[in-house]
Amino acid sequence: MLKLMPLLFFPFLVSCSVSEEMIENKELYCSGIYQGIRAVGRVATEVTTGVSIPDVCDTIDEIVEEERGEEEESADGALDKSD
């Protein structure tokens, strides 16, 4: 049972797995070869543990969209103050 304890915390670590370096090097991490390798690992993990792990490329896209939205809101707020 103690051997399975680290697996309980794994889903919480997934959200912390995308770094600024990964975002900057998206072309490398999202290339077809790496996506295929990660897909095999994700399927194996999901089959053995039942935990679904999102692809890092999807996570990068979500983070970039959120950052763009925040930047647009900041820019809109600055424009409203200047009017």
C-alpha atoms as a PDB file:
ATOM      1  CA  MET A   1       0.000   0.000   0.000  1.00  0.00           C
ATOM      2  CA  LEU A   2       2.833   2.398   0.774  1.00  0.00           C
ATOM      3  CA  LYS A   3       4.194   1.892  -2.729  1.00  0.00           C
ATOM      4  CA  LEU A   4       1.009   3.410  -4.143  1.00  0.00           C
ATOM      5  CA  MET A   5       1.127   6.537  -1.963  1.00  0.00           C
ATOM      6  CA  PRO A   6       3.168   8.604  -4.488  1.00  0.00           C
ATOM      7  CA  LEU A   7       0.511   7.916  -7.115  1.00  0.00           C
ATOM      8  CA  LEU A   8      -2.080   9.641  -4.946  1.00  0.00           C
ATOM      9  CA  PHE A   9      -0.169  12.915  -5.197  1.00  0.00           C
ATOM     10  CA  PHE A  10       0.659  12.621  -8.896  1.00  0.00           C
ATOM     11  CA  PRO A  11      -2.528  14.350 -10.165  1.00  0.00           C
ATOM     12  CA  PHE A  12      -1.676  17.397  -8.050  1.00  0.00           C
ATOM     13  CA  LEU A  13       1.809  17.606  -9.545  1.00  0.00           C
ATOM     14  CA  VAL A  14       0.601  17.536 -13.137  1.00  0.00           C
ATOM     15  CA  SER A  15      -0.717  21.087 -12.944  1.00  0.00           C
ATOM     16  CA  CYS A  16       2.753  22.291 -11.958  1.00  0.00           C
ATOM     17  CA  SER A  17       4.521  20.506 -14.774  1.00  0.00           C
ATOM     18  CA  VAL A  18       4.534  23.268 -17.414  1.00  0.00           C
ATOM     19  CA  SER A  19       7.415  25.698 -17.054  1.00  0.00           C
ATOM     20  CA  GLU A  20       8.233  28.935 -18.856  1.00  0.00           C
ATOM     21  CA  GLU A  21      11.004  27.045 -20.655  1.00  0.00           C
ATOM     22  CA  MET A  22       8.500  24.542 -22.005  1.00  0.00           C
ATOM     23  CA  ILE A  23       6.240  27.347 -23.230  1.00  0.00           C
ATOM     24  CA  GLU A  24       9.172  29.017 -24.997  1.00  0.00           C
ATOM     25  CA  ASN A  25      10.192  25.708 -26.624  1.00  0.00           C
ATOM     26  CA  LYS A  26       6.690  24.592 -27.614  1.00  0.00           C
ATOM     27  CA  GLU A  27       7.879  23.606 -31.105  1.00  0.00           C
ATOM     28  CA  LEU A  28      10.191  21.011 -29.556  1.00  0.00           C
ATOM     29  CA  TYR A  29       7.795  19.628 -26.939  1.00  0.00           C
ATOM     30  CA  CYS A  30       4.863  19.542 -29.340  1.00  0.00           C
ATOM     31  CA  SER A  31       6.655  17.864 -32.221  1.00  0.00           C
ATOM     32  CA  GLY A  32       5.029  14.696 -33.535  1.00  0.00           C
ATOM     33  CA  ILE A  33       7.657  12.354 -32.086  1.00  0.00           C
ATOM     34  CA  TYR A  34       7.411  13.725 -28.551  1.00  0.00           C
ATOM     35  CA  GLN A  35       3.624  13.871 -28.671  1.00  0.00           C
ATOM     36  CA  GLY A  36       3.523  10.213 -29.713  1.00  0.00           C
ATOM     37  CA  ILE A  37       5.875   9.135 -26.940  1.00  0.00           C
ATOM     38  CA  ARG A  38       3.917  11.073 -24.331  1.00  0.00           C
ATOM     39  CA  ALA A  39       0.630   9.659 -25.659  1.00  0.00           C
ATOM     40  CA  VAL A  40       1.885   6.116 -25.078  1.00  0.00           C
ATOM     41  CA  GLY A  41       2.912   7.057 -21.537  1.00  0.00           C
ATOM     42  CA  ARG A  42      -0.407   8.767 -20.820  1.00  0.00           C
ATOM     43  CA  VAL A  43      -2.410   5.787 -22.052  1.00  0.00           C
ATOM     44  CA  ALA A  44      -0.302   3.372 -20.002  1.00  0.00           C
ATOM     45  CA  THR A  45      -0.749   5.536 -16.905  1.00  0.00           C
ATOM     46  CA  GLU A  46      -4.480   5.864 -17.454  1.00  0.00           C
ATOM     47  CA  VAL A  47      -4.919   2.122 -17.981  1.00  0.00           C
ATOM     48  CA  THR A  48      -2.888   1.146 -14.923  1.00  0.00           C
ATOM     49  CA  THR A  49      -3.965   3.857 -12.473  1.00  0.00           C
ATOM     50  CA  GLY A  50      -7.178   5.273 -13.880  1.00  0.00           C
ATOM     51  CA  VAL A  51      -5.690   8.785 -13.737  1.00  0.00           C
ATOM     52  CA  SER A  52      -6.147  10.865 -16.862  1.00  0.00           C
ATOM     53  CA  ILE A  53      -3.177  13.129 -17.639  1.00  0.00           C
ATOM     54  CA  PRO A  54      -3.630  16.020 -20.088  1.00  0.00           C
ATOM     55  CA  ASP A  55      -1.107  16.533 -22.872  1.00  0.00           C
ATOM     56  CA  VAL A  56       1.439  19.241 -22.157  1.00  0.00           C
ATOM     57  CA  CYS A  57       0.709  20.900 -25.522  1.00  0.00           C
ATOM     58  CA  ASP A  58      -2.930  21.376 -24.558  1.00  0.00           C
ATOM     59  CA  THR A  59      -1.837  22.762 -21.205  1.00  0.00           C
ATOM     60  CA  ILE A  60       0.601  25.168 -22.874  1.00  0.00           C
ATOM     61  CA  ASP A  61      -2.171  26.402 -25.190  1.00  0.00           C
ATOM     62  CA  GLU A  62      -4.487  26.984 -22.221  1.00  0.00           C
ATOM     63  CA  ILE A  63      -1.809  28.902 -20.298  1.00  0.00           C
ATOM     64  CA  VAL A  64      -0.952  31.083 -23.299  1.00  0.00           C
ATOM     65  CA  GLU A  65      -4.648  31.856 -23.874  1.00  0.00           C
ATOM     66  CA  GLU A  66      -5.099  32.818 -20.211  1.00  0.00           C
ATOM     67  CA  GLU A  67      -2.026  35.064 -20.301  1.00  0.00           C
ATOM     68  CA  ARG A  68      -3.248  36.759 -23.488  1.00  0.00           C
ATOM     69  CA  GLY A  69      -6.658  37.309 -21.914  1.00  0.00           C
ATOM     70  CA  GLU A  70      -5.078  38.861 -18.836  1.00  0.00           C
ATOM     71  CA  GLU A  71      -2.875  41.095 -20.991  1.00  0.00           C
ATOM     72  CA  GLU A  72      -5.894  42.231 -23.026  1.00  0.00           C
ATOM     73  CA  GLU A  73      -7.840  42.987 -19.853  1.00  0.00           C
ATOM     74  CA  SER A  74      -4.898  45.010 -18.530  1.00  0.00           C
ATOM     75  CA  ALA A  75      -4.602  46.904 -21.804  1.00  0.00           C
ATOM     76  CA  ASP A  76      -8.353  47.574 -21.880  1.00  0.00           C
ATOM     77  CA  GLY A  77      -8.232  48.805 -18.298  1.00  0.00           C
ATOM     78  CA  ALA A  78      -5.353  51.143 -19.103  1.00  0.00           C
ATOM     79  CA  LEU A  79      -7.203  52.514 -22.128  1.00  0.00           C
ATOM     80  CA  ASP A  80     -10.357  53.095 -20.079  1.00  0.00           C
ATOM     81  CA  LYS A  81      -8.383  55.073 -17.489  1.00  0.00           C
ATOM     82  CA  SER A  82      -6.801  57.272 -20.150  1.00  0.00           C
ATOM     83  CA  ASP A  83     -10.202  58.248 -21.632  1.00  0.00           C
END
